N, C-alpha and C. Protein backbone atom coordinates (compact mmCIF):
# COMPACT_ATOMS: atom_id res chain seq x y z
N LYS A 1 0.85 -1.18 0.00
CA LYS A 1 0.00 0.00 0.00
C LYS A 1 0.88 1.24 0.00
N ASN A 2 0.32 2.36 -0.37
CA ASN A 2 1.06 3.63 -0.40
C ASN A 2 1.28 4.11 1.03
N LEU A 3 2.53 4.16 1.45
CA LEU A 3 2.87 4.61 2.80
C LEU A 3 3.17 6.10 2.85
N ASN A 4 3.02 6.79 1.72
CA ASN A 4 3.40 8.20 1.59
C ASN A 4 4.90 8.33 1.78
N TRP A 5 5.40 9.55 1.63
CA TRP A 5 6.84 9.76 1.67
C TRP A 5 7.44 9.36 3.01
N VAL A 6 6.85 9.84 4.10
CA VAL A 6 7.39 9.54 5.43
C VAL A 6 7.38 8.03 5.70
N GLY A 7 6.30 7.37 5.36
CA GLY A 7 6.21 5.93 5.58
C GLY A 7 7.23 5.15 4.77
N GLY A 8 7.42 5.57 3.52
CA GLY A 8 8.41 4.90 2.67
C GLY A 8 9.83 5.10 3.18
N ILE A 9 10.14 6.32 3.59
CA ILE A 9 11.47 6.60 4.15
C ILE A 9 11.68 5.80 5.42
N ASN A 10 10.68 5.76 6.29
CA ASN A 10 10.81 5.02 7.54
C ASN A 10 11.01 3.52 7.29
N LEU A 11 10.35 2.98 6.30
CA LEU A 11 10.55 1.58 5.95
C LEU A 11 12.00 1.36 5.52
N GLY A 12 12.52 2.26 4.70
CA GLY A 12 13.92 2.17 4.29
C GLY A 12 14.88 2.31 5.46
N LEU A 13 14.59 3.24 6.36
CA LEU A 13 15.46 3.44 7.52
C LEU A 13 15.53 2.19 8.39
N LYS A 14 14.41 1.51 8.52
CA LYS A 14 14.39 0.29 9.34
C LYS A 14 15.22 -0.83 8.70
N MET A 15 15.46 -0.73 7.40
CA MET A 15 16.22 -1.76 6.68
C MET A 15 17.71 -1.45 6.63
N THR A 16 18.16 -0.36 7.25
CA THR A 16 19.56 0.06 7.11
C THR A 16 20.37 -0.14 8.39
N LYS A 17 19.92 -0.97 9.26
CA LYS A 17 20.68 -1.22 10.49
C LYS A 17 22.07 -1.73 10.13
N GLY A 18 23.08 -1.23 10.84
CA GLY A 18 24.44 -1.69 10.60
C GLY A 18 25.23 -0.83 9.63
N TYR A 19 24.56 0.08 8.94
CA TYR A 19 25.27 0.98 8.03
C TYR A 19 25.85 2.16 8.79
N GLN A 20 26.87 2.77 8.25
CA GLN A 20 27.49 3.94 8.89
C GLN A 20 26.67 5.21 8.63
N ASN A 21 26.21 5.38 7.38
CA ASN A 21 25.42 6.55 6.99
C ASN A 21 24.23 6.09 6.18
N VAL A 22 23.17 6.90 6.19
CA VAL A 22 21.97 6.60 5.43
C VAL A 22 21.52 7.87 4.73
N GLY A 23 21.26 7.76 3.41
CA GLY A 23 20.80 8.92 2.67
C GLY A 23 19.51 8.65 1.96
N PHE A 24 18.79 9.72 1.68
CA PHE A 24 17.63 9.58 0.82
C PHE A 24 17.46 10.81 -0.05
N LEU A 25 16.89 10.55 -1.23
CA LEU A 25 16.73 11.57 -2.26
C LEU A 25 15.30 11.55 -2.77
N ASN A 26 14.75 12.72 -3.03
CA ASN A 26 13.46 12.79 -3.71
C ASN A 26 13.64 12.35 -5.16
N ASP A 27 12.54 12.05 -5.80
CA ASP A 27 12.60 11.64 -7.20
C ASP A 27 12.60 12.83 -8.15
N ASP A 28 12.63 14.05 -7.61
CA ASP A 28 12.58 15.25 -8.46
C ASP A 28 13.88 16.07 -8.35
N ILE A 29 15.01 15.37 -8.18
CA ILE A 29 16.29 16.08 -8.11
C ILE A 29 17.30 15.46 -9.07
N GLU A 30 18.30 16.26 -9.40
CA GLU A 30 19.45 15.82 -10.20
C GLU A 30 20.70 16.24 -9.43
N VAL A 31 21.57 15.31 -9.11
CA VAL A 31 22.72 15.59 -8.26
C VAL A 31 23.96 15.95 -9.09
N CYS A 32 24.87 16.69 -8.47
CA CYS A 32 26.13 17.06 -9.10
C CYS A 32 27.15 15.92 -8.94
N PRO A 33 28.26 15.97 -9.68
CA PRO A 33 29.33 15.00 -9.45
C PRO A 33 29.84 15.11 -8.00
N ASN A 34 30.27 14.03 -7.46
CA ASN A 34 30.89 13.98 -6.13
C ASN A 34 29.94 14.34 -4.99
N TRP A 35 28.65 14.37 -5.25
CA TRP A 35 27.73 14.78 -4.19
C TRP A 35 27.85 13.88 -2.95
N LEU A 36 27.91 12.58 -3.15
CA LEU A 36 27.96 11.67 -2.01
C LEU A 36 29.30 11.78 -1.29
N GLU A 37 30.39 11.86 -2.03
CA GLU A 37 31.70 12.03 -1.41
C GLU A 37 31.76 13.32 -0.59
N ASN A 38 31.18 14.41 -1.13
CA ASN A 38 31.15 15.68 -0.39
C ASN A 38 30.38 15.54 0.91
N PHE A 39 29.24 14.87 0.84
CA PHE A 39 28.43 14.66 2.05
C PHE A 39 29.20 13.83 3.09
N ILE A 40 29.83 12.75 2.62
CA ILE A 40 30.58 11.89 3.54
C ILE A 40 31.74 12.66 4.17
N ASP A 41 32.42 13.50 3.38
CA ASP A 41 33.50 14.32 3.94
C ASP A 41 33.00 15.19 5.08
N VAL A 42 31.84 15.81 4.89
CA VAL A 42 31.28 16.67 5.93
C VAL A 42 31.01 15.86 7.20
N LEU A 43 30.38 14.70 7.06
CA LEU A 43 30.05 13.89 8.23
C LEU A 43 31.29 13.32 8.89
N ASP A 44 32.27 12.87 8.09
CA ASP A 44 33.49 12.26 8.65
C ASP A 44 34.38 13.29 9.36
N CYS A 45 34.40 14.51 8.87
CA CYS A 45 35.30 15.53 9.42
C CYS A 45 34.70 16.33 10.57
N ASN A 46 33.42 16.11 10.84
CA ASN A 46 32.73 16.91 11.85
C ASN A 46 31.91 16.01 12.76
N PRO A 47 32.50 15.59 13.88
CA PRO A 47 31.82 14.63 14.75
C PRO A 47 30.47 15.11 15.27
N GLN A 48 30.28 16.42 15.38
CA GLN A 48 29.03 16.95 15.91
C GLN A 48 27.93 17.05 14.85
N VAL A 49 28.29 16.92 13.57
CA VAL A 49 27.29 17.03 12.50
C VAL A 49 26.64 15.67 12.28
N ALA A 50 25.31 15.64 12.36
CA ALA A 50 24.56 14.40 12.21
C ALA A 50 23.88 14.26 10.86
N ALA A 51 23.68 15.39 10.14
CA ALA A 51 22.99 15.35 8.86
C ALA A 51 23.52 16.47 7.97
N VAL A 52 23.55 16.21 6.66
CA VAL A 52 24.08 17.19 5.71
C VAL A 52 23.21 17.20 4.46
N GLY A 53 23.02 18.41 3.90
CA GLY A 53 22.26 18.59 2.67
C GLY A 53 22.99 19.53 1.72
N PRO A 54 22.45 19.75 0.49
CA PRO A 54 23.12 20.53 -0.55
C PRO A 54 22.56 21.94 -0.74
N ILE A 55 23.24 22.72 -1.56
CA ILE A 55 22.67 23.92 -2.15
C ILE A 55 21.84 23.46 -3.34
N THR A 56 20.72 24.14 -3.60
CA THR A 56 19.79 23.69 -4.62
C THR A 56 19.43 24.77 -5.62
N SER A 57 18.83 24.36 -6.72
CA SER A 57 18.41 25.27 -7.78
C SER A 57 17.11 25.99 -7.45
N ASN A 58 16.28 25.40 -6.61
CA ASN A 58 14.92 25.91 -6.42
C ASN A 58 14.92 27.23 -5.67
N THR A 59 14.37 28.25 -6.30
CA THR A 59 14.37 29.59 -5.69
C THR A 59 13.44 29.69 -4.50
N ARG A 60 12.49 28.76 -4.37
CA ARG A 60 11.57 28.78 -3.22
C ARG A 60 12.20 28.14 -1.98
N ASP A 61 13.20 27.29 -2.20
CA ASP A 61 13.87 26.64 -1.06
C ASP A 61 14.82 27.62 -0.40
N TRP A 62 14.87 27.66 0.91
CA TRP A 62 15.83 28.54 1.58
C TRP A 62 17.25 28.11 1.23
N GLN A 63 17.44 26.83 0.84
CA GLN A 63 18.75 26.33 0.43
C GLN A 63 19.05 26.65 -1.03
N GLY A 64 18.15 27.36 -1.70
CA GLY A 64 18.35 27.74 -3.09
C GLY A 64 19.58 28.62 -3.24
N TYR A 65 20.28 28.45 -4.35
CA TYR A 65 21.55 29.15 -4.58
C TYR A 65 21.44 30.65 -4.31
N ASP A 66 20.44 31.30 -4.89
CA ASP A 66 20.34 32.75 -4.76
C ASP A 66 20.00 33.17 -3.33
N ASN A 67 19.20 32.38 -2.64
CA ASN A 67 18.89 32.67 -1.23
C ASN A 67 20.12 32.51 -0.36
N VAL A 68 20.88 31.45 -0.60
CA VAL A 68 22.12 31.24 0.16
C VAL A 68 23.11 32.36 -0.12
N ARG A 69 23.23 32.75 -1.40
CA ARG A 69 24.17 33.82 -1.78
C ARG A 69 23.85 35.12 -1.04
N LYS A 70 22.58 35.45 -0.93
CA LYS A 70 22.18 36.70 -0.27
C LYS A 70 22.36 36.62 1.25
N LYS A 71 22.05 35.46 1.82
CA LYS A 71 22.10 35.33 3.28
C LYS A 71 23.49 35.02 3.82
N ARG A 72 24.39 34.55 2.96
CA ARG A 72 25.75 34.20 3.36
C ARG A 72 26.75 34.95 2.48
N PRO A 73 26.82 36.28 2.60
CA PRO A 73 27.71 37.04 1.71
C PRO A 73 29.19 36.67 1.87
N GLY A 74 29.58 36.14 3.01
CA GLY A 74 30.97 35.77 3.23
C GLY A 74 31.44 34.62 2.36
N TRP A 75 30.51 33.90 1.75
CA TRP A 75 30.90 32.79 0.89
C TRP A 75 31.33 33.26 -0.49
N ASN A 76 31.05 34.51 -0.80
CA ASN A 76 31.44 35.10 -2.09
C ASN A 76 30.89 34.32 -3.28
N LEU A 77 29.65 33.86 -3.19
CA LEU A 77 29.03 33.20 -4.34
C LEU A 77 28.70 34.27 -5.39
N PRO A 78 29.06 34.04 -6.65
CA PRO A 78 28.78 35.04 -7.69
C PRO A 78 27.29 35.14 -7.98
N GLU A 79 26.87 36.31 -8.48
CA GLU A 79 25.45 36.54 -8.76
C GLU A 79 24.92 35.65 -9.89
N LEU A 80 25.71 35.38 -10.90
CA LEU A 80 25.38 34.46 -11.98
C LEU A 80 24.09 34.82 -12.72
N ARG A 81 24.03 36.00 -13.23
CA ARG A 81 22.87 36.39 -14.05
C ARG A 81 22.89 35.62 -15.36
N GLY A 82 21.73 35.14 -15.76
CA GLY A 82 21.60 34.44 -17.03
C GLY A 82 22.05 32.99 -17.01
N VAL A 83 22.51 32.48 -15.88
CA VAL A 83 22.92 31.08 -15.79
C VAL A 83 21.72 30.25 -15.33
N ASP A 84 21.42 29.21 -16.07
CA ASP A 84 20.30 28.32 -15.77
C ASP A 84 20.59 27.57 -14.47
N ARG A 85 19.79 27.81 -13.44
CA ARG A 85 19.99 27.17 -12.14
C ARG A 85 19.79 25.66 -12.20
N ASN A 86 19.10 25.17 -13.24
CA ASN A 86 18.91 23.72 -13.38
C ASN A 86 20.04 23.05 -14.15
N ASN A 87 21.03 23.81 -14.60
CA ASN A 87 22.20 23.24 -15.27
C ASN A 87 23.20 22.82 -14.18
N VAL A 88 23.06 21.60 -13.73
CA VAL A 88 23.81 21.12 -12.57
C VAL A 88 25.32 21.22 -12.77
N LEU A 89 25.80 20.81 -13.92
CA LEU A 89 27.25 20.82 -14.14
C LEU A 89 27.81 22.23 -14.15
N GLU A 90 27.12 23.16 -14.79
CA GLU A 90 27.61 24.54 -14.81
C GLU A 90 27.58 25.15 -13.41
N MET A 91 26.47 24.95 -12.69
CA MET A 91 26.37 25.50 -11.34
C MET A 91 27.40 24.86 -10.40
N TYR A 92 27.61 23.58 -10.54
CA TYR A 92 28.61 22.90 -9.71
C TYR A 92 29.99 23.49 -9.94
N GLY A 93 30.27 23.90 -11.17
CA GLY A 93 31.55 24.53 -11.47
C GLY A 93 31.80 25.79 -10.67
N TYR A 94 30.73 26.48 -10.27
CA TYR A 94 30.88 27.71 -9.51
C TYR A 94 31.05 27.47 -8.00
N ILE A 95 30.63 26.30 -7.51
CA ILE A 95 30.68 26.10 -6.05
C ILE A 95 31.63 24.99 -5.60
N LYS A 96 32.17 24.20 -6.53
CA LYS A 96 32.92 23.01 -6.12
C LYS A 96 34.18 23.31 -5.31
N THR A 97 34.69 24.51 -5.37
CA THR A 97 35.87 24.86 -4.56
C THR A 97 35.49 25.87 -3.47
N ASN A 98 34.25 25.88 -3.10
CA ASN A 98 33.73 26.88 -2.19
C ASN A 98 34.19 26.66 -0.74
N GLY A 99 35.01 27.55 -0.25
CA GLY A 99 35.36 27.61 1.17
C GLY A 99 35.67 26.28 1.81
N SER A 100 35.26 26.16 3.05
CA SER A 100 35.54 24.96 3.82
C SER A 100 34.62 23.81 3.46
N GLY A 101 33.56 24.11 2.72
CA GLY A 101 32.64 23.05 2.32
C GLY A 101 31.53 22.78 3.30
N ILE A 102 31.41 23.60 4.36
CA ILE A 102 30.37 23.32 5.35
C ILE A 102 29.87 24.61 6.00
N SER A 103 28.60 24.62 6.29
CA SER A 103 28.01 25.67 7.11
C SER A 103 27.04 25.01 8.08
N ILE A 104 27.18 25.30 9.34
CA ILE A 104 26.30 24.73 10.36
C ILE A 104 25.00 25.53 10.37
N LEU A 105 23.89 24.81 10.33
CA LEU A 105 22.59 25.45 10.23
C LEU A 105 21.62 24.87 11.25
N GLY A 106 20.45 25.49 11.32
CA GLY A 106 19.41 25.00 12.21
C GLY A 106 18.57 23.91 11.58
N MET A 107 18.44 23.94 10.25
CA MET A 107 17.55 23.01 9.58
C MET A 107 18.00 22.81 8.14
N ILE A 108 17.83 21.62 7.62
CA ILE A 108 18.01 21.35 6.19
C ILE A 108 16.78 20.60 5.70
N ALA A 109 16.44 20.83 4.45
CA ALA A 109 15.33 20.10 3.83
C ALA A 109 15.80 18.71 3.43
N PHE A 110 14.91 17.75 3.52
CA PHE A 110 15.27 16.35 3.30
C PHE A 110 15.02 15.86 1.89
N PHE A 111 14.96 16.73 0.89
CA PHE A 111 14.83 16.26 -0.49
C PHE A 111 16.11 15.55 -0.94
N CYS A 112 17.23 15.86 -0.27
CA CYS A 112 18.53 15.22 -0.52
C CYS A 112 19.32 15.36 0.77
N VAL A 113 19.57 14.27 1.46
CA VAL A 113 20.20 14.34 2.77
C VAL A 113 21.00 13.06 3.05
N LEU A 114 22.05 13.21 3.85
CA LEU A 114 22.79 12.06 4.35
C LEU A 114 22.87 12.21 5.86
N LEU A 115 22.50 11.14 6.58
CA LEU A 115 22.48 11.14 8.04
C LEU A 115 23.42 10.08 8.58
N LYS A 116 23.97 10.33 9.76
CA LYS A 116 24.74 9.31 10.47
C LYS A 116 23.77 8.30 11.06
N ARG A 117 23.99 7.04 10.77
CA ARG A 117 23.08 5.99 11.23
C ARG A 117 22.95 5.94 12.75
N PRO A 118 24.03 6.13 13.54
CA PRO A 118 23.86 6.08 14.99
C PRO A 118 22.85 7.10 15.53
N VAL A 119 22.71 8.23 14.84
CA VAL A 119 21.73 9.23 15.26
C VAL A 119 20.32 8.70 15.04
N ILE A 120 20.11 8.02 13.92
CA ILE A 120 18.80 7.42 13.66
C ILE A 120 18.49 6.39 14.74
N ASP A 121 19.49 5.58 15.12
CA ASP A 121 19.29 4.59 16.19
C ASP A 121 18.89 5.27 17.49
N GLU A 122 19.44 6.45 17.73
CA GLU A 122 19.17 7.15 18.99
C GLU A 122 17.81 7.84 19.00
N ILE A 123 17.44 8.54 17.91
CA ILE A 123 16.20 9.34 17.95
C ILE A 123 15.05 8.73 17.18
N GLY A 124 15.31 7.66 16.45
CA GLY A 124 14.23 6.98 15.75
C GLY A 124 14.01 7.49 14.34
N VAL A 125 12.92 7.05 13.75
CA VAL A 125 12.58 7.37 12.37
C VAL A 125 11.80 8.69 12.33
N LEU A 126 11.41 9.09 11.12
CA LEU A 126 10.62 10.31 10.96
C LEU A 126 9.26 10.14 11.64
N ASP A 127 8.68 11.23 12.07
CA ASP A 127 7.41 11.20 12.79
C ASP A 127 6.27 10.99 11.80
N ALA A 128 5.55 9.88 11.95
CA ALA A 128 4.45 9.53 11.04
C ALA A 128 3.30 10.51 11.09
N ASP A 129 3.22 11.35 12.12
CA ASP A 129 2.15 12.35 12.20
C ASP A 129 2.21 13.34 11.04
N PHE A 130 3.38 13.46 10.39
CA PHE A 130 3.53 14.39 9.27
C PHE A 130 3.23 13.72 7.92
N SER A 131 2.92 12.44 7.93
CA SER A 131 2.80 11.65 6.71
C SER A 131 1.79 12.21 5.71
N GLU A 132 0.63 12.60 6.17
CA GLU A 132 -0.42 13.08 5.27
C GLU A 132 -0.23 14.54 4.85
N ILE A 133 0.67 15.26 5.53
CA ILE A 133 0.86 16.69 5.26
C ILE A 133 1.89 16.92 4.16
N TYR A 134 2.87 16.03 4.06
CA TYR A 134 3.96 16.15 3.09
C TYR A 134 4.84 17.37 3.35
N LEU A 135 4.83 17.89 4.53
CA LEU A 135 5.68 19.01 4.95
C LEU A 135 5.95 18.87 6.44
N GLY A 136 7.07 19.44 6.90
CA GLY A 136 7.34 19.54 8.33
C GLY A 136 8.11 18.39 8.93
N ASP A 137 8.14 17.24 8.26
CA ASP A 137 8.83 16.09 8.83
C ASP A 137 10.32 16.34 8.96
N ASP A 138 10.91 17.07 8.00
CA ASP A 138 12.34 17.37 8.07
C ASP A 138 12.64 18.41 9.14
N ASP A 139 11.78 19.41 9.29
CA ASP A 139 11.95 20.40 10.37
C ASP A 139 11.94 19.70 11.72
N ASP A 140 10.96 18.82 11.90
CA ASP A 140 10.83 18.09 13.15
C ASP A 140 12.06 17.22 13.42
N TYR A 141 12.55 16.53 12.40
CA TYR A 141 13.70 15.66 12.60
C TYR A 141 14.95 16.47 12.93
N CYS A 142 15.13 17.61 12.28
CA CYS A 142 16.27 18.48 12.60
C CYS A 142 16.18 18.99 14.04
N ASP A 143 14.97 19.32 14.48
CA ASP A 143 14.78 19.71 15.89
C ASP A 143 15.23 18.58 16.81
N ARG A 144 14.84 17.37 16.49
CA ARG A 144 15.20 16.22 17.32
C ARG A 144 16.70 15.97 17.31
N ILE A 145 17.34 16.17 16.16
CA ILE A 145 18.80 16.04 16.09
C ILE A 145 19.45 17.05 17.02
N LYS A 146 19.01 18.29 16.94
CA LYS A 146 19.62 19.36 17.76
C LYS A 146 19.43 19.11 19.24
N ARG A 147 18.35 18.45 19.62
CA ARG A 147 18.12 18.15 21.04
C ARG A 147 19.14 17.16 21.58
N THR A 148 19.82 16.42 20.70
CA THR A 148 20.87 15.50 21.14
C THR A 148 22.21 16.22 21.31
N GLY A 149 22.26 17.51 20.96
CA GLY A 149 23.51 18.26 21.02
C GLY A 149 24.29 18.23 19.72
N ARG A 150 23.74 17.55 18.71
CA ARG A 150 24.39 17.49 17.41
C ARG A 150 23.87 18.60 16.50
N LYS A 151 24.47 18.70 15.30
CA LYS A 151 24.14 19.77 14.38
C LYS A 151 23.78 19.23 13.01
N VAL A 152 23.14 20.09 12.21
CA VAL A 152 22.90 19.79 10.79
C VAL A 152 23.69 20.80 9.98
N ALA A 153 24.07 20.41 8.75
CA ALA A 153 24.97 21.25 7.98
C ALA A 153 24.57 21.30 6.51
N LEU A 154 25.01 22.36 5.86
CA LEU A 154 24.87 22.52 4.42
C LEU A 154 26.25 22.29 3.80
N SER A 155 26.32 21.39 2.83
CA SER A 155 27.57 21.19 2.10
C SER A 155 27.65 22.28 1.04
N THR A 156 28.52 23.24 1.25
CA THR A 156 28.61 24.37 0.34
C THR A 156 29.31 24.02 -0.97
N ARG A 157 29.75 22.78 -1.09
CA ARG A 157 30.37 22.31 -2.34
C ARG A 157 29.48 21.33 -3.09
N THR A 158 28.24 21.20 -2.67
CA THR A 158 27.33 20.23 -3.29
C THR A 158 26.11 20.95 -3.83
N TYR A 159 25.79 20.67 -5.11
CA TYR A 159 24.68 21.35 -5.78
C TYR A 159 23.75 20.33 -6.42
N VAL A 160 22.46 20.54 -6.26
CA VAL A 160 21.47 19.71 -6.94
C VAL A 160 20.41 20.58 -7.58
N ALA A 161 19.89 20.13 -8.71
CA ALA A 161 18.70 20.74 -9.29
C ALA A 161 17.51 20.08 -8.61
N HIS A 162 16.63 20.90 -8.06
CA HIS A 162 15.46 20.38 -7.35
C HIS A 162 14.22 20.92 -8.05
N TYR A 163 13.54 20.02 -8.76
CA TYR A 163 12.31 20.37 -9.46
C TYR A 163 11.16 20.21 -8.48
N SER A 164 11.18 21.06 -7.46
CA SER A 164 10.34 20.94 -6.27
C SER A 164 8.86 20.85 -6.58
N GLY A 165 8.21 19.94 -5.86
CA GLY A 165 6.76 19.84 -5.93
C GLY A 165 6.26 18.79 -6.90
N THR A 166 7.13 18.09 -7.58
CA THR A 166 6.69 17.10 -8.56
C THR A 166 5.72 16.10 -7.93
N SER A 167 6.00 15.66 -6.72
CA SER A 167 5.11 14.72 -6.03
C SER A 167 4.12 15.42 -5.13
N SER A 168 4.61 16.35 -4.32
CA SER A 168 3.75 16.94 -3.29
C SER A 168 2.68 17.86 -3.86
N ASN A 169 2.85 18.39 -5.08
CA ASN A 169 1.82 19.24 -5.66
C ASN A 169 0.53 18.47 -5.93
N LYS A 170 0.62 17.15 -5.96
CA LYS A 170 -0.56 16.33 -6.20
C LYS A 170 -1.33 16.04 -4.91
N THR A 171 -0.85 16.54 -3.78
CA THR A 171 -1.43 16.17 -2.49
C THR A 171 -2.33 17.23 -1.90
N GLY A 172 -2.68 18.25 -2.65
CA GLY A 172 -3.60 19.25 -2.14
C GLY A 172 -2.96 20.61 -1.97
N GLU A 173 -3.75 21.56 -1.52
CA GLU A 173 -3.35 22.95 -1.37
C GLU A 173 -2.12 23.10 -0.47
N LYS A 174 -1.04 23.64 -1.04
CA LYS A 174 0.22 23.74 -0.30
C LYS A 174 0.11 24.69 0.89
N ASN A 175 -0.60 25.80 0.76
CA ASN A 175 -0.73 26.74 1.88
C ASN A 175 -1.45 26.09 3.06
N LEU A 176 -2.48 25.31 2.76
CA LEU A 176 -3.20 24.61 3.83
C LEU A 176 -2.29 23.58 4.50
N ARG A 177 -1.51 22.85 3.69
CA ARG A 177 -0.58 21.87 4.25
C ARG A 177 0.51 22.55 5.06
N ALA A 178 0.99 23.71 4.60
CA ALA A 178 2.02 24.44 5.34
C ALA A 178 1.49 24.90 6.69
N THR A 179 0.25 25.35 6.73
CA THR A 179 -0.37 25.76 7.99
C THR A 179 -0.49 24.58 8.95
N LYS A 180 -0.95 23.44 8.42
CA LYS A 180 -1.07 22.24 9.26
C LYS A 180 0.30 21.80 9.79
N ALA A 181 1.31 21.83 8.92
CA ALA A 181 2.66 21.43 9.33
C ALA A 181 3.19 22.35 10.42
N HIS A 182 2.98 23.66 10.24
CA HIS A 182 3.45 24.64 11.24
C HIS A 182 2.76 24.41 12.59
N GLN A 183 1.46 24.16 12.56
CA GLN A 183 0.73 23.90 13.81
C GLN A 183 1.23 22.64 14.49
N LEU A 184 1.43 21.59 13.71
CA LEU A 184 1.91 20.32 14.28
C LEU A 184 3.32 20.47 14.82
N LEU A 185 4.18 21.19 14.10
CA LEU A 185 5.55 21.43 14.58
C LEU A 185 5.54 22.15 15.92
N ASN A 186 4.69 23.17 16.04
CA ASN A 186 4.61 23.92 17.30
C ASN A 186 4.14 23.02 18.44
N LEU A 187 3.18 22.14 18.17
CA LEU A 187 2.72 21.20 19.20
C LEU A 187 3.83 20.25 19.62
N LYS A 188 4.58 19.73 18.65
CA LYS A 188 5.68 18.81 18.95
C LYS A 188 6.78 19.51 19.75
N ARG A 189 7.12 20.74 19.34
CA ARG A 189 8.15 21.48 20.05
C ARG A 189 7.74 21.80 21.48
N ALA A 190 6.49 22.18 21.66
CA ALA A 190 6.00 22.47 23.01
C ALA A 190 6.03 21.21 23.87
N ALA A 191 5.62 20.10 23.32
CA ALA A 191 5.62 18.83 24.07
C ALA A 191 7.05 18.45 24.48
N ARG A 192 8.03 18.65 23.58
CA ARG A 192 9.42 18.31 23.91
C ARG A 192 9.97 19.23 24.99
N GLN A 193 9.58 20.49 24.97
CA GLN A 193 10.08 21.44 25.97
C GLN A 193 9.51 21.15 27.35
N ASN A 194 8.33 20.55 27.39
CA ASN A 194 7.69 20.24 28.67
C ASN A 194 8.20 18.94 29.27
N LYS A 195 9.04 18.20 28.53
CA LYS A 195 9.57 16.93 29.06
C LYS A 195 10.67 17.17 30.06
């Protein structure tokens, strides 16, 4: 039966016992060369980092190239007028030598992510309460990671084209789902703070 995105990911997570790292990708992305090696480098070199994600083409994602460029001026990402953000190889050429290759953040979106398996063993799988909403599960999981004292990171040398919404646009009004996800996140956060 259709377990939705969260259910499918959780089924996969349960099958990965014994692995060092576990990753998952949406079906609406195209990855750059060396994406997995870049992710593994971030996790191997930073004991406190439990999850890592990429810079993306999607302008609506906070991880989108132009959003990252504006919010992180110290990275010196070029403006790149007229460059197709979905041209993965060309965009990768602009970021593959970018700085230290890592930025510690509060949250990363899970359309493309690599996690340390021991963290999954400690905090469990994604929360099934978000299954029907198709939003918020990654925010919730990042919150849970941070509660362990670990961090999430952006690999500043990894780029993916994200044709966002290919699956989730079929699940109903996005604004309504975003409101439901925000309400559920607030309830989960309040419950964790009261523990």
